[in-house]
Amino acid sequence: MLFACLLFTLSSCSKSDDDDGAIPAGKKYPLENLEYRLTTQTAGSESIIVKYDIKNRSNTDYVRLDYDYNYHIRLKINIFATDGTKFEATPLVENLAKGATKADQWSIDYSAGKTIDLTKTSLEFIYKR
């Protein structure tokens, strides 16, 4: 009897597939609504600080949690050593109101003894979990 009551309680608490507020699978915020601008790079002996601005040039707020988790937007930052070695970071783009610009920075570590070629730094928006 106790088992039957427990089973009924658990089954009545389960979520239905048509709950309001669910984010449709595959819902993406268009990458072309955002733009970036590399502002400065400061290289140390084993890390570089990359500073950049991100602008939402659309008429729609970017609210990260309104979109499918598989399609959160990240800014992929690639830096290169003079020997061709690539180091990469993919920081998450946080919420950004329509028309707003946000200044941000990211530190990327690289191997000791490497020399970074600041002219080859690249940035791009990507979808990534």
Protein backbone atom coordinates (compact mmCIF):
# COMPACT_ATOMS: atom_id res chain seq x y z
CA MET A 1 0.00 0.00 0.00
CA LEU A 2 2.79 2.41 0.91
CA PHE A 3 4.53 1.62 -2.37
CA ALA A 4 1.33 2.37 -4.34
CA CYS A 5 0.94 5.75 -2.60
CA LEU A 6 4.57 6.64 -3.28
CA LEU A 7 4.25 5.66 -6.93
CA PHE A 8 1.10 7.78 -7.32
CA THR A 9 2.78 10.77 -5.66
CA LEU A 10 5.83 10.56 -7.93
CA SER A 11 3.78 10.17 -11.11
CA SER A 12 1.56 13.14 -10.27
CA CYS A 13 4.65 15.36 -9.84
CA SER A 14 6.12 14.65 -13.26
CA LYS A 15 6.36 17.44 -15.82
CA SER A 16 4.14 17.39 -18.86
CA ASP A 17 5.58 17.98 -22.31
CA ASP A 18 3.44 21.05 -22.89
CA ASP A 19 4.56 23.13 -19.88
CA ASP A 20 4.48 26.87 -20.53
CA GLY A 21 7.85 28.59 -20.56
CA ALA A 22 9.73 25.75 -22.23
CA ILE A 23 12.34 26.88 -24.73
CA PRO A 24 11.80 25.26 -28.12
CA ALA A 25 14.67 23.01 -29.15
CA GLY A 26 16.93 24.77 -31.61
CA LYS A 27 15.85 28.33 -30.71
CA LYS A 28 18.83 30.56 -31.57
CA TYR A 29 19.57 34.26 -31.27
CA PRO A 30 21.00 35.34 -34.66
CA LEU A 31 24.77 35.86 -34.53
CA GLU A 32 24.50 38.65 -37.09
CA ASN A 33 22.69 40.75 -34.45
CA LEU A 34 25.98 41.09 -32.56
CA GLU A 35 29.28 42.67 -33.46
CA TYR A 36 32.64 42.75 -31.72
CA ARG A 37 35.56 45.14 -31.75
CA LEU A 38 39.00 44.21 -30.48
CA THR A 39 40.20 47.14 -28.35
CA THR A 40 43.52 46.17 -26.76
CA GLN A 41 45.82 43.22 -26.14
CA THR A 42 48.39 43.11 -23.37
CA ALA A 43 50.82 40.20 -23.45
CA GLY A 44 52.72 39.07 -20.38
CA SER A 45 55.27 36.28 -20.09
CA GLU A 46 52.67 33.46 -20.03
CA SER A 47 49.27 35.11 -20.57
CA ILE A 48 47.57 37.74 -22.65
CA ILE A 49 44.64 39.96 -21.74
CA VAL A 50 42.35 40.55 -24.70
CA LYS A 51 39.91 43.46 -24.30
CA TYR A 52 36.94 43.87 -26.61
CA ASP A 53 33.52 45.47 -27.01
CA ILE A 54 30.38 43.56 -27.92
CA LYS A 55 27.44 45.46 -29.39
CA ASN A 56 23.87 44.25 -29.83
CA ARG A 57 22.87 46.06 -33.02
CA SER A 58 19.38 44.56 -33.18
CA ASN A 59 16.02 45.68 -31.80
CA THR A 60 15.82 42.58 -29.59
CA ASP A 61 17.44 42.01 -26.21
CA TYR A 62 19.80 39.04 -25.99
CA VAL A 63 18.80 37.18 -22.83
CA ARG A 64 20.88 34.01 -22.73
CA LEU A 65 18.34 31.90 -20.82
CA ASP A 66 15.64 32.61 -23.43
CA TYR A 67 17.47 30.41 -25.94
CA ASP A 68 18.20 26.70 -26.29
CA TYR A 69 21.18 25.68 -24.11
CA ASN A 70 22.86 24.17 -27.18
CA TYR A 71 22.90 27.59 -28.82
CA HIS A 72 24.36 29.89 -26.21
CA ILE A 73 26.61 32.44 -27.84
CA ARG A 74 30.32 32.52 -27.14
CA LEU A 75 33.10 34.72 -28.47
CA LYS A 76 35.86 32.48 -29.78
CA ILE A 77 39.25 34.14 -29.27
CA ASN A 78 42.31 32.69 -31.00
CA ILE A 79 45.84 33.87 -30.31
CA PHE A 80 48.90 32.57 -32.11
CA ALA A 81 52.53 32.18 -31.14
CA THR A 82 55.19 33.09 -33.69
CA ASP A 83 55.87 29.35 -34.16
CA GLY A 84 52.23 28.83 -35.26
CA THR A 85 50.88 27.34 -32.02
CA LYS A 86 47.23 28.34 -31.49
CA PHE A 87 45.74 29.08 -28.07
CA GLU A 88 41.98 29.47 -27.74
CA ALA A 89 39.31 30.68 -25.33
CA THR A 90 35.52 30.75 -25.73
CA PRO A 91 33.97 33.05 -23.10
CA LEU A 92 30.18 33.12 -22.82
CA VAL A 93 28.38 36.21 -24.10
CA GLU A 94 26.16 37.40 -21.27
CA ASN A 95 22.82 39.20 -21.58
CA LEU A 96 22.92 42.33 -23.73
CA ALA A 97 20.07 44.80 -24.21
CA LYS A 98 19.07 45.91 -27.69
CA GLY A 99 21.35 48.67 -28.98
CA ALA A 100 23.73 48.33 -26.01
CA THR A 101 27.51 47.90 -26.05
CA LYS A 102 29.44 46.06 -23.37
CA ALA A 103 33.19 46.21 -22.73
CA ASP A 104 34.72 42.93 -21.62
CA GLN A 105 38.08 41.18 -21.33
CA TRP A 106 39.47 37.67 -21.18
CA SER A 107 42.84 36.33 -20.07
CA ILE A 108 44.36 33.49 -22.08
CA ASP A 109 47.31 31.51 -20.77
CA TYR A 110 49.99 30.21 -23.12
CA SER A 111 53.12 28.10 -22.76
CA ALA A 112 56.23 29.55 -21.17
CA GLY A 113 58.83 30.64 -23.68
CA LYS A 114 56.29 31.35 -26.45
CA THR A 115 56.17 34.70 -28.20
CA ILE A 116 52.68 35.84 -29.18
CA ASP A 117 52.05 37.48 -32.55
CA LEU A 118 49.45 40.13 -31.67
CA THR A 119 48.70 40.81 -35.36
CA LYS A 120 47.14 37.35 -35.79
CA THR A 121 44.55 37.47 -32.98
CA SER A 122 41.11 36.51 -34.29
CA LEU A 123 37.62 36.71 -32.84
CA GLU A 124 34.29 35.23 -33.97
CA PHE A 125 30.90 34.50 -32.51
CA ILE A 126 29.94 30.83 -32.27
CA TYR A 127 27.17 28.70 -30.78
CA LYS A 128 28.48 26.36 -28.11
CA ARG A 129 27.12 24.68 -24.99
